[in-house]
């Protein structure tokens, strides 16, 4: 403990860490995946908890305690900047903190959060921290009151002091204790020195033979240390996800809250219970979102847009005044102001649609920039293409960008007119103001202001069909 004392004496401000329990398998979810990587609101359970914690302490002071499929969990959230502690084997929440002893040695206090409780807010974490620092107990329990506390451990307080005398699991409660509605949330704050001075006194005399952090309340009380509790007025914040039903319930609440938040900021969402809008999505005022729309990931939608039904937009940026007609699919695409899409357009990663441009029905783009005012209105594939301003792409046009080994680029300069059913075999360049005749297969560059025709001459044989029919008789 010399390191902790030295650090505390060198700074008047206590050092606070956050430890997130993220080692469990989640057996009741009936899943082969780590419990904390199950998703609600478009992010993993653990990512939600980390995001809340990062608004209270710096990422380097957050420790995710991982165990089951540890490397997979580490990889999933490594970009958040948090630290990791490996718990191996997994022998309960108390054992998890034992494994973090070395990582926490330089801190004065630690807040313990559950990695499967994604609704916890930064405000509540800060409230737990501030109460703990102000009253200086060895342990502070975050509690709440439930109308029906069935299944939860009850907090037993001591007289007028309000100190916690015990946390009693429901099966061990007396009839009088069962009537208490204040329950243990599983979120705690500890003074690091008394925590590790007494954590070895935890016992494993329970059905799972594990060390439970909850039991530290009794351990510390027996050591004449102070244990307090502070209530959150929002019971939903502590809800975990032990079953698929609970997981879906959390997702439903998170998405309903997201729609409420967006509508309060000026967004119209018709039939919001049908829409799937992820937690990190941003939408500007006066935008209208119709039923059965999905806005996913880090999508940003500007103001005065209309997103029509059955569109799925993921990790994309949409400017102001954009119309997305029904059934469009966007993935990592950028759409500039006043553009229109669809119906049934597909913008794949790397698509950039310019201002006032039109991408119509059954048009697919990939790694393509469509310039200001350009149009591709029907049945077209544009891949690995750079298309200038004021270009018309006729129905059925295809950029042949793949030769079986490598991808190649098509360049179409400003004011080009490409006739219907054209095939542009990359690498190829169409110069400014040029025309491509319908049904042409273009394999060579077209100079500016030229007409390119690449099709066989039409031959008409009069009476041929009549003779063929007669031959069948």
Protein backbone atom coordinates (compact mmCIF):
# COMPACT_ATOMS: atom_id res chain seq x y z
CA UNK A 1 0.00 0.00 0.00
CA UNK A 2 3.03 2.34 0.00
CA UNK A 3 2.26 3.42 -3.57
CA UNK A 4 -1.30 4.45 -2.66
CA UNK A 5 -0.17 6.52 0.36
CA UNK A 6 2.56 8.25 -1.60
CA UNK A 7 0.19 9.17 -4.40
CA UNK A 8 -2.51 10.42 -2.02
CA UNK A 9 -0.06 12.65 -0.18
CA UNK A 10 1.20 14.20 -3.42
CA UNK A 11 -2.25 15.43 -4.41
CA UNK A 12 -5.08 16.95 -2.41
CA UNK A 13 -7.65 15.56 -4.83
CA UNK A 14 -8.46 11.86 -4.28
CA UNK A 15 -7.77 9.58 -7.21
CA UNK A 16 -10.90 7.72 -8.26
CA UNK A 17 -10.98 4.70 -10.55
CA UNK A 18 -13.93 2.86 -12.03
CA UNK A 19 -13.95 -0.93 -12.28
CA UNK A 20 -16.52 -2.53 -14.61
CA UNK A 21 -17.49 -6.15 -14.10
CA UNK A 22 -17.28 -7.69 -17.56
CA UNK A 23 -15.96 -11.22 -17.05
CA UNK A 24 -19.16 -13.25 -17.02
CA UNK A 25 -20.47 -15.75 -19.53
CA UNK A 26 -24.16 -15.02 -19.09
CA UNK A 27 -25.37 -18.61 -18.90
CA UNK A 28 -29.06 -17.68 -18.73
CA UNK A 29 -28.82 -15.90 -22.08
CA UNK A 30 -28.19 -19.31 -23.66
CA UNK A 31 -25.42 -17.79 -25.78
CA UNK A 32 -21.89 -18.75 -26.77
CA UNK A 33 -20.95 -15.05 -26.84
CA UNK A 34 -19.65 -13.00 -23.89
CA UNK A 35 -22.58 -11.56 -21.97
CA UNK A 36 -21.38 -7.95 -22.09
CA UNK A 37 -21.07 -8.00 -25.90
CA UNK A 38 -24.79 -8.55 -26.40
CA UNK A 39 -26.27 -5.40 -27.89
CA UNK A 40 -29.05 -3.02 -26.94
CA UNK A 41 -29.68 0.36 -28.51
CA UNK A 42 -27.14 -0.39 -31.22
CA UNK A 43 -24.12 -0.91 -28.94
CA UNK A 44 -22.85 -3.63 -26.68
CA UNK A 45 -23.91 -3.59 -23.05
CA UNK A 46 -20.31 -2.91 -22.04
CA UNK A 47 -19.92 -0.02 -24.52
CA UNK A 48 -22.90 1.76 -22.95
CA UNK A 49 -21.44 1.42 -19.45
CA UNK A 50 -18.01 2.60 -20.60
CA UNK A 51 -19.56 5.63 -22.33
CA UNK A 52 -21.29 6.64 -19.09
CA UNK A 53 -18.14 6.07 -17.02
CA UNK A 54 -16.01 8.16 -19.39
CA UNK A 55 -18.07 11.22 -18.53
CA UNK A 56 -17.09 10.83 -14.87
CA UNK A 57 -13.40 9.84 -15.03
CA UNK A 58 -10.77 9.75 -17.77
CA UNK A 59 -10.60 6.53 -19.85
CA UNK A 60 -7.19 5.55 -18.42
CA UNK A 61 -8.83 5.39 -14.97
CA UNK A 62 -11.46 2.89 -16.12
CA UNK A 63 -10.70 -0.83 -15.76
CA UNK A 64 -12.81 -3.45 -17.51
CA UNK A 65 -12.44 -6.73 -15.65
CA UNK A 66 -12.67 -9.39 -18.34
CA UNK A 67 -12.61 -13.18 -18.23
CA UNK A 68 -14.83 -15.27 -20.48
CA UNK A 69 -13.53 -14.85 -24.06
CA UNK A 70 -11.35 -12.06 -22.67
CA UNK A 71 -9.53 -11.23 -25.90
CA UNK A 72 -12.77 -10.87 -27.80
CA UNK A 73 -14.13 -8.44 -25.21
CA UNK A 74 -10.84 -6.53 -25.19
CA UNK A 75 -10.91 -6.21 -28.99
CA UNK A 76 -14.52 -5.02 -29.02
CA UNK A 77 -13.89 -1.98 -26.76
CA UNK A 78 -10.15 -1.34 -27.11
CA UNK A 79 -10.74 1.91 -29.01
CA UNK A 80 -12.39 3.45 -25.92
CA UNK A 81 -8.98 3.79 -24.23
CA UNK A 82 -9.94 1.90 -21.07
CA UNK A 83 -7.59 -0.45 -19.22
CA UNK A 84 -8.12 -4.19 -18.78
CA UNK A 85 -7.78 -6.65 -15.92
CA UNK A 86 -8.09 -10.38 -16.60
CA UNK A 87 -10.00 -12.52 -14.10
CA UNK A 88 -9.01 -16.13 -14.56
CA UNK A 89 -10.74 -18.26 -13.42
CA UNK A 90 -14.02 -16.43 -12.77
CA UNK A 91 -14.91 -16.98 -9.12
CA UNK A 92 -17.38 -14.21 -8.46
CA UNK A 93 -17.50 -10.43 -8.16
CA UNK A 94 -15.35 -10.36 -5.04
CA UNK A 95 -12.70 -12.41 -6.78
CA UNK A 96 -12.83 -9.97 -9.75
CA UNK A 97 -11.81 -7.10 -7.47
CA UNK A 98 -9.10 -9.27 -5.92
CA UNK A 99 -7.69 -9.69 -9.44
CA UNK A 100 -7.69 -5.89 -9.84
CA UNK A 101 -5.70 -5.26 -6.67
CA UNK A 102 -2.48 -4.35 -8.47
CA UNK A 103 -4.24 -2.16 -11.05
CA UNK A 104 -6.05 -0.22 -8.33
CA UNK A 105 -3.07 0.17 -6.00
CA UNK A 106 -2.44 3.77 -7.04
CA UNK A 107 -5.99 4.95 -6.37
CA UNK A 108 -7.74 6.16 -3.25
CA UNK A 109 -11.26 5.08 -4.21
CA UNK A 110 -12.89 2.77 -6.72
CA UNK A 111 -16.42 2.77 -8.11
CA UNK A 112 -17.66 -0.67 -9.16
CA UNK A 113 -20.19 -0.90 -12.02
CA UNK A 114 -21.92 -3.82 -13.72
CA UNK A 115 -21.02 -4.31 -17.36
CA UNK A 116 -24.49 -5.66 -18.16
CA UNK A 117 -26.48 -2.64 -16.88
CA UNK A 118 -26.45 -0.22 -19.84
CA UNK A 119 -28.96 2.32 -18.52
CA UNK A 120 -26.67 3.68 -15.80
CA UNK A 121 -26.17 7.43 -16.30
CA UNK A 122 -23.13 9.62 -15.73
CA UNK A 123 -25.20 11.69 -13.29
CA UNK A 124 -25.87 8.68 -11.07
CA UNK A 125 -22.23 7.53 -11.18
CA UNK A 126 -21.19 11.05 -10.18
CA UNK A 127 -23.80 11.08 -7.40
CA UNK A 128 -22.40 7.82 -6.00
CA UNK A 129 -18.85 9.19 -6.19
CA UNK A 130 -19.67 12.56 -4.59
CA UNK A 131 -21.68 11.01 -1.75
CA UNK A 132 -18.88 8.55 -1.06
CA UNK A 133 -16.17 11.24 -1.04
CA UNK A 134 -18.24 13.57 1.12
CA UNK A 135 -19.21 11.06 3.83
CA UNK A 136 -15.97 9.01 3.74
CA UNK A 137 -17.28 5.50 4.46
CA UNK A 138 -15.30 2.39 3.63
CA UNK A 139 -18.12 1.29 1.34
CA UNK A 140 -21.07 3.04 -0.30
CA UNK A 141 -23.86 1.01 -1.88
CA UNK A 142 -26.04 2.44 -4.63
CA UNK A 143 -29.59 1.48 -3.71
CA UNK A 144 -33.07 2.12 -5.00
CA UNK A 145 -36.65 1.43 -3.97
CA UNK A 146 -38.87 -0.86 -6.00
CA UNK A 147 -42.65 -1.27 -5.73
CA UNK A 148 -42.01 -5.00 -5.98
CA UNK A 149 -38.52 -5.89 -4.72
CA UNK A 150 -38.98 -9.64 -5.19
CA UNK A 151 -35.72 -11.32 -6.07
CA UNK A 152 -33.43 -8.56 -4.80
CA UNK A 153 -31.30 -8.36 -1.67
CA UNK A 154 -32.71 -5.94 0.91
CA UNK A 155 -30.72 -3.20 2.63
CA UNK A 156 -30.99 -3.29 6.40
CA UNK A 157 -30.19 0.15 7.83
CA UNK A 158 -29.17 0.91 11.40
CA UNK A 159 -31.40 3.36 13.29
CA UNK A 160 -31.22 7.11 12.67
CA UNK A 161 -27.62 6.99 11.45
CA UNK A 162 -28.75 5.37 8.21
CA UNK A 163 -25.67 3.17 8.13
CA UNK A 164 -26.05 -0.15 6.39
CA UNK A 165 -26.12 -2.96 8.88
CA UNK A 166 -26.47 -5.76 6.35
CA UNK A 167 -27.50 -6.72 2.83
CA UNK A 168 -29.79 -9.74 3.14
CA UNK A 169 -30.62 -11.91 0.15
CA UNK A 170 -34.34 -12.50 -0.24
CA UNK A 171 -34.23 -16.19 0.58
CA UNK A 172 -32.65 -15.31 3.93
CA UNK A 173 -35.02 -12.44 4.78
CA UNK A 174 -37.40 -12.54 7.72
CA UNK A 175 -41.07 -11.71 6.96
CA UNK A 176 -40.45 -8.16 8.21
CA UNK A 177 -37.34 -7.74 6.04
CA UNK A 178 -39.23 -8.93 2.95
CA UNK A 179 -41.51 -5.92 3.31
CA UNK A 180 -38.57 -3.55 2.86
CA UNK A 181 -38.44 -2.01 -0.62
CA UNK A 182 -34.89 -0.64 -0.62
CA UNK A 183 -32.67 -3.00 -2.58
CA UNK A 184 -29.00 -3.44 -3.45
CA UNK A 185 -28.21 -2.43 -7.04
CA UNK A 186 -24.84 -4.14 -7.31
CA UNK A 187 -23.08 -0.78 -7.84
CA UNK A 188 -20.60 0.27 -5.16
CA UNK A 189 -17.93 2.75 -4.16
CA UNK A 190 -15.03 1.68 -1.93
CA UNK A 191 -12.13 3.33 -0.19
CA UNK A 192 -9.29 1.28 -1.65
CA UNK A 193 -7.23 0.89 1.54
CA UNK A 194 -9.93 -0.74 3.75
CA UNK A 195 -11.26 -2.69 0.77
CA UNK A 196 -8.02 -4.55 0.20
CA UNK A 197 -7.19 -4.70 3.90
CA UNK A 198 -10.30 -6.85 4.44
CA UNK A 199 -11.22 -8.43 1.10
CA UNK A 200 -9.42 -11.67 1.99
CA UNK A 201 -12.08 -12.19 4.66
CA UNK A 202 -14.70 -12.93 2.03
CA UNK A 203 -16.01 -16.48 2.21
CA UNK A 204 -17.21 -18.90 -0.46
CA UNK A 205 -19.84 -20.62 1.68
CA UNK A 206 -22.60 -20.23 -0.92
CA UNK A 207 -24.14 -22.57 -3.54
CA UNK A 208 -21.72 -21.42 -6.25
CA UNK A 209 -18.63 -21.37 -4.02
CA UNK A 210 -17.80 -17.85 -5.21
CA UNK A 211 -16.58 -14.64 -3.59
CA UNK A 212 -19.40 -12.07 -3.62
CA UNK A 213 -18.57 -8.39 -3.41
CA UNK A 214 -21.93 -7.76 -1.74
CA UNK A 215 -20.58 -9.62 1.30
CA UNK A 216 -18.03 -6.84 1.81
CA UNK A 217 -20.76 -4.89 3.60
CA UNK A 218 -20.83 -7.48 6.38
CA UNK A 219 -17.03 -7.94 6.34
CA UNK A 220 -16.43 -4.20 6.74
CA UNK A 221 -19.11 -3.82 9.43
CA UNK A 222 -17.45 -6.56 11.46
CA UNK A 223 -14.17 -4.66 11.08
CA UNK A 224 -15.93 -1.54 12.51
CA UNK A 225 -15.80 0.24 9.20
CA UNK A 226 -18.63 2.52 8.05
CA UNK A 227 -20.94 1.29 5.29
CA UNK A 228 -23.49 3.70 3.78
CA UNK A 229 -25.99 3.70 0.94
CA UNK A 230 -27.22 6.39 -1.42
CA UNK A 231 -30.43 6.02 -3.46
CA UNK A 232 -31.00 6.56 -7.12
CA UNK A 233 -34.47 7.84 -7.89
CA UNK A 234 -34.47 6.02 -11.24
CA UNK A 235 -34.73 2.27 -10.60
CA UNK A 236 -34.45 1.48 -14.32
CA UNK A 237 -30.79 2.54 -14.27
CA UNK A 238 -29.72 -0.52 -12.34
CA UNK A 239 -31.51 -3.05 -14.50
CA UNK A 240 -29.29 -5.82 -15.78
CA UNK A 241 -29.88 -8.30 -18.57
CA UNK A 242 -29.76 -11.89 -17.42
CA UNK A 243 -32.28 -13.26 -19.94
CA UNK A 244 -33.19 -12.59 -23.56
CA UNK A 245 -36.49 -11.12 -22.41
CA UNK A 246 -34.68 -8.65 -20.15
CA UNK A 247 -32.23 -7.83 -22.95
CA UNK A 248 -35.06 -6.99 -25.35
CA UNK A 249 -36.83 -5.01 -22.62
CA UNK A 250 -33.74 -2.82 -22.14
CA UNK A 251 -33.45 -2.32 -25.89
CA UNK A 252 -37.11 -1.31 -26.11
CA UNK A 253 -36.76 1.23 -23.32
CA UNK A 254 -33.54 2.67 -24.72
CA UNK A 255 -35.03 3.15 -28.18
CA UNK A 256 -38.24 4.64 -26.83
CA UNK A 257 -36.20 7.11 -24.79
CA UNK A 258 -34.11 7.95 -27.89
CA UNK A 259 -37.23 8.74 -29.92
CA UNK A 260 -38.57 10.88 -27.09
CA UNK A 261 -35.28 12.79 -26.93
CA UNK A 262 -35.24 13.40 -30.69
CA UNK A 263 -38.85 14.54 -30.78
CA UNK A 264 -38.17 16.96 -27.92
CA UNK A 265 -35.39 18.48 -30.08
CA UNK A 266 -37.68 19.10 -33.05
CA UNK A 267 -37.74 15.82 -35.00
CA UNK A 268 -41.08 14.33 -36.11
CA UNK A 269 -41.16 10.55 -35.76
CA UNK A 270 -44.42 9.00 -36.94
CA UNK A 271 -45.30 5.74 -35.20
CA UNK A 272 -42.04 5.78 -33.15
CA UNK A 273 -42.59 2.31 -31.71
CA UNK A 274 -41.87 0.90 -35.20
CA UNK A 275 -38.58 2.76 -35.68
CA UNK A 276 -35.15 1.45 -34.71
CA UNK A 277 -32.87 4.38 -33.81
CA UNK A 278 -29.51 3.70 -32.18
CA UNK A 279 -28.19 5.60 -29.18
CA UNK A 280 -25.47 7.54 -31.04
CA UNK A 281 -27.66 8.71 -33.94
CA UNK A 282 -28.12 12.46 -34.43
CA UNK A 283 -31.05 14.03 -36.31
CA UNK A 284 -31.60 17.72 -37.06
CA UNK A 285 -34.75 19.72 -36.34
CA UNK A 286 -37.74 19.61 -38.73
CA UNK A 287 -36.70 16.26 -40.17
CA UNK A 288 -39.52 13.76 -40.57
CA UNK A 289 -38.96 10.06 -39.93
CA UNK A 290 -41.71 7.82 -41.22
CA UNK A 291 -42.72 4.42 -39.75
CA UNK A 292 -40.42 1.40 -39.98
CA UNK A 293 -37.20 3.35 -40.49
CA UNK A 294 -33.86 2.16 -39.07
CA UNK A 295 -31.16 4.74 -38.23
CA UNK A 296 -28.13 2.82 -37.01
CA UNK A 297 -24.61 3.27 -35.67
CA UNK A 298 -23.10 6.75 -35.95
CA UNK A 299 -25.60 8.06 -38.51
CA UNK A 300 -26.04 11.84 -38.75
CA UNK A 301 -29.13 13.27 -40.45
CA UNK A 302 -29.45 17.01 -41.06
CA UNK A 303 -32.48 19.27 -40.77
CA UNK A 304 -35.57 19.43 -43.01
CA UNK A 305 -35.04 15.91 -44.33
CA UNK A 306 -37.68 13.30 -44.93
CA UNK A 307 -36.75 9.66 -44.34
CA UNK A 308 -39.51 7.53 -45.76
CA UNK A 309 -40.62 4.10 -44.60
CA UNK A 310 -38.50 0.94 -44.70
CA UNK A 311 -35.20 2.75 -45.23
CA UNK A 312 -32.14 1.41 -43.37
CA UNK A 313 -29.33 3.92 -42.85
CA UNK A 314 -26.13 2.89 -41.07
CA UNK A 315 -23.02 4.92 -40.18
CA UNK A 316 -23.90 7.52 -42.81
CA UNK A 317 -23.98 11.32 -43.02
CA UNK A 318 -26.97 13.03 -44.59
CA UNK A 319 -27.09 16.78 -45.19
CA UNK A 320 -30.04 19.19 -44.95
CA UNK A 321 -33.19 18.96 -47.05
CA UNK A 322 -32.51 15.42 -48.29
CA UNK A 323 -35.35 13.17 -49.42
CA UNK A 324 -34.85 9.45 -48.85
CA UNK A 325 -37.70 7.63 -50.55
CA UNK A 326 -38.99 4.24 -49.32
CA UNK A 327 -36.77 1.19 -49.06
CA UNK A 328 -33.34 2.76 -49.44
CA UNK A 329 -30.27 1.13 -47.86
CA UNK A 330 -27.25 3.28 -46.96
CA UNK A 331 -24.05 2.02 -45.36
CA UNK A 332 -21.11 4.37 -44.65
CA UNK A 333 -22.33 6.82 -47.27
CA UNK A 334 -22.38 10.61 -47.48
CA UNK A 335 -25.29 12.53 -48.97
CA UNK A 336 -25.08 16.30 -49.46
CA UNK A 337 -27.82 18.92 -49.12
CA UNK A 338 -31.05 18.62 -51.12
CA UNK A 339 -30.13 15.32 -52.77
CA UNK A 340 -32.84 12.74 -53.34
CA UNK A 341 -32.55 8.98 -53.13
CA UNK A 342 -34.70 6.05 -54.17
CA UNK A 343 -37.02 4.41 -53.92
CA UNK A 344 -34.95 1.27 -53.34
CA UNK A 345 -31.52 2.81 -53.87
CA UNK A 346 -28.49 1.10 -52.35
CA UNK A 347 -25.53 3.25 -51.31
CA UNK A 348 -22.63 1.06 -50.26
CA UNK A 349 -19.49 2.20 -48.37
CA UNK A 350 -17.59 5.06 -49.96
CA UNK A 351 -20.58 6.53 -51.78
CA UNK A 352 -20.64 10.34 -51.90
CA UNK A 353 -23.76 11.93 -53.35
CA UNK A 354 -23.41 15.64 -54.15
CA UNK A 355 -25.80 18.54 -53.64
CA UNK A 356 -29.05 18.37 -55.62
CA UNK A 357 -28.02 15.00 -57.09
CA UNK A 358 -30.56 12.25 -57.76
CA UNK A 359 -30.05 8.55 -57.18
CA UNK A 360 -33.18 6.75 -58.32
CA UNK A 361 -34.92 3.42 -58.04
CA UNK A 362 -32.77 0.29 -58.05
CA UNK A 363 -29.51 2.22 -58.39
CA UNK A 364 -26.47 0.86 -56.54
CA UNK A 365 -23.32 2.86 -55.82
CA UNK A 366 -20.02 1.79 -54.26
CA UNK A 367 -16.90 3.96 -53.77
CA UNK A 368 -18.48 6.48 -56.10
CA UNK A 369 -18.75 10.25 -56.05
CA UNK A 370 -21.79 11.63 -57.88
CA UNK A 371 -21.35 15.37 -58.41
CA UNK A 372 -23.68 18.30 -57.86
CA UNK A 373 -26.90 18.08 -59.84
CA UNK A 374 -26.02 14.77 -61.49
CA UNK A 375 -28.62 12.06 -61.98
CA UNK A 376 -28.69 8.29 -62.06
CA UNK A 377 -32.38 7.61 -61.92
CA UNK A 378 -32.96 3.98 -62.92
CA UNK A 379 -31.53 0.47 -62.72
CA UNK A 380 -27.84 1.34 -62.62
CA UNK A 381 -24.61 0.15 -60.98
CA UNK A 382 -21.88 2.73 -60.35
CA UNK A 383 -18.77 1.28 -58.71
CA UNK A 384 -15.34 2.89 -58.24
CA UNK A 385 -16.46 5.92 -60.21
CA UNK A 386 -15.78 9.65 -60.09
CA UNK A 387 -18.68 11.49 -61.68
CA UNK A 388 -18.71 15.25 -62.19
CA UNK A 389 -21.48 17.86 -62.08
CA UNK A 390 -24.58 17.91 -64.26
CA UNK A 391 -24.08 14.37 -65.54
CA UNK A 392 -26.95 12.21 -66.76
CA UNK A 393 -26.53 8.46 -66.31
CA UNK A 394 -29.07 6.59 -68.42
CA UNK A 395 -31.12 3.65 -67.21
CA UNK A 396 -29.30 0.34 -67.10
CA UNK A 397 -25.80 1.81 -67.17
CA UNK A 398 -23.04 -0.29 -65.61
CA UNK A 399 -19.46 0.60 -64.70
CA UNK A 400 -17.50 -2.60 -65.17
CA UNK A 401 -14.96 -1.98 -62.43
CA UNK A 402 -13.63 -5.51 -61.77
CA UNK A 403 -11.53 -7.57 -64.16
CA UNK A 404 -11.50 -10.66 -61.97
CA UNK A 405 -8.32 -9.63 -60.17
CA UNK A 406 -8.26 -5.87 -59.63
CA UNK A 407 -10.71 -3.00 -59.33
CA UNK A 408 -10.46 -0.11 -61.83
CA UNK A 409 -11.83 3.43 -61.88
CA UNK A 410 -14.28 5.14 -64.20
CA UNK A 411 -14.01 8.93 -64.55
CA UNK A 412 -16.96 10.86 -65.97
CA UNK A 413 -16.38 14.60 -66.25
CA UNK A 414 -18.95 17.42 -66.01
CA UNK A 415 -22.00 17.61 -68.31
CA UNK A 416 -21.57 14.14 -69.78
CA UNK A 417 -24.67 12.35 -71.12
CA UNK A 418 -24.55 8.57 -70.88
CA UNK A 419 -27.30 6.84 -72.85
CA UNK A 420 -29.35 3.96 -71.49
CA UNK A 421 -27.90 0.46 -71.24
CA UNK A 422 -24.32 1.67 -71.63
CA UNK A 423 -21.45 -0.49 -70.39
CA UNK A 424 -18.37 1.44 -69.27
CA UNK A 425 -15.37 -0.89 -69.00
CA UNK A 426 -12.85 0.56 -66.56
CA UNK A 427 -10.32 2.01 -66.55
CA UNK A 428 -11.99 4.56 -68.80
CA UNK A 429 -12.57 8.32 -68.92
CA UNK A 430 -15.45 10.25 -70.49
CA UNK A 431 -14.39 13.82 -71.24
CA UNK A 432 -16.40 16.91 -70.36
CA UNK A 433 -19.59 17.39 -72.33
CA UNK A 434 -19.29 14.11 -74.24
CA UNK A 435 -22.17 11.81 -75.22
CA UNK A 436 -22.33 8.03 -75.11
CA UNK A 437 -24.94 6.43 -77.34
CA UNK A 438 -27.46 4.04 -75.85
CA UNK A 439 -26.40 0.39 -75.62
CA UNK A 440 -22.72 1.23 -76.22
CA UNK A 441 -19.88 -0.78 -74.71
CA UNK A 442 -17.16 1.78 -74.04
CA UNK A 443 -13.63 0.40 -73.64
CA UNK A 444 -11.57 3.46 -74.61
CA UNK A 445 -11.44 7.05 -73.35
CA UNK A 446 -13.92 9.47 -74.93
CA UNK A 447 -12.62 13.01 -75.67
CA UNK A 448 -14.51 16.08 -74.50
CA UNK A 449 -17.58 17.09 -76.52
CA UNK A 450 -17.45 13.86 -78.55
CA UNK A 451 -20.08 11.25 -79.33
CA UNK A 452 -19.06 7.66 -78.64
CA UNK A 453 -20.94 4.78 -80.25
CA UNK A 454 -19.84 1.20 -79.67
CA UNK A 455 -22.45 -1.17 -81.02
CA UNK A 456 -22.95 -3.17 -84.18
CA UNK A 457 -24.90 -1.70 -87.08
CA UNK A 458 -28.57 -2.66 -87.12
CA UNK A 459 -29.54 -5.08 -89.86
CA UNK A 460 -33.18 -5.54 -90.92
CA UNK A 461 -34.18 -8.62 -92.95
CA UNK A 462 -37.71 -8.05 -94.18
CA UNK A 463 -39.98 -11.10 -94.15
CA UNK A 464 -37.52 -13.22 -92.13
CA UNK A 465 -39.91 -13.85 -89.22
CA UNK A 466 -42.76 -14.78 -91.58
CA UNK A 467 -40.58 -17.32 -93.36
CA UNK A 468 -39.43 -18.82 -90.02
CA UNK A 469 -43.00 -19.32 -88.87
CA UNK A 470 -43.91 -20.91 -92.14
CA UNK A 471 -41.00 -23.34 -91.87
CA UNK A 472 -42.42 -24.73 -88.62
CA UNK A 473 -45.67 -25.84 -90.19
